[in-house]
Amino acid sequence: MNQTLSADAALAPSLLTVEAHQTGQCTMDTDRAVWKHIRGKVKKQYRRLTDDDLQQLEGHGEGLVGKLQERYGLAKEEAERQAKEFRSHNNWH
């Protein structure tokens, strides 16, 4: 009987992972972790962007162009170039 309990206990984390995946929790957690990582890189490279700016960019990478124009006074073409380069370099799609 102890072997059965041990086997069940060993499966418990796997079952929780499957359940979390089925409910979308894993995807949400992964998305949050990825955004947190990207947010740190954005903040490091573009220090003039505020926390509010970064919050608005969450899930909306295309908004980086407008924020660069607004905070850095860049022409649209230059902001687009920088945003495209940053997003490509950091796998932010």
Foldseek 3Di string as FASTA:
>chain_A
DVVVVVVVVVCVVVVVVVVCVVVCNVVVVVLVVLLVVLLVVCCVVPVQQDPVNSVVCRVPLVCQLVVCCVRVVDDSVVSVVVSVVSCVVSVND
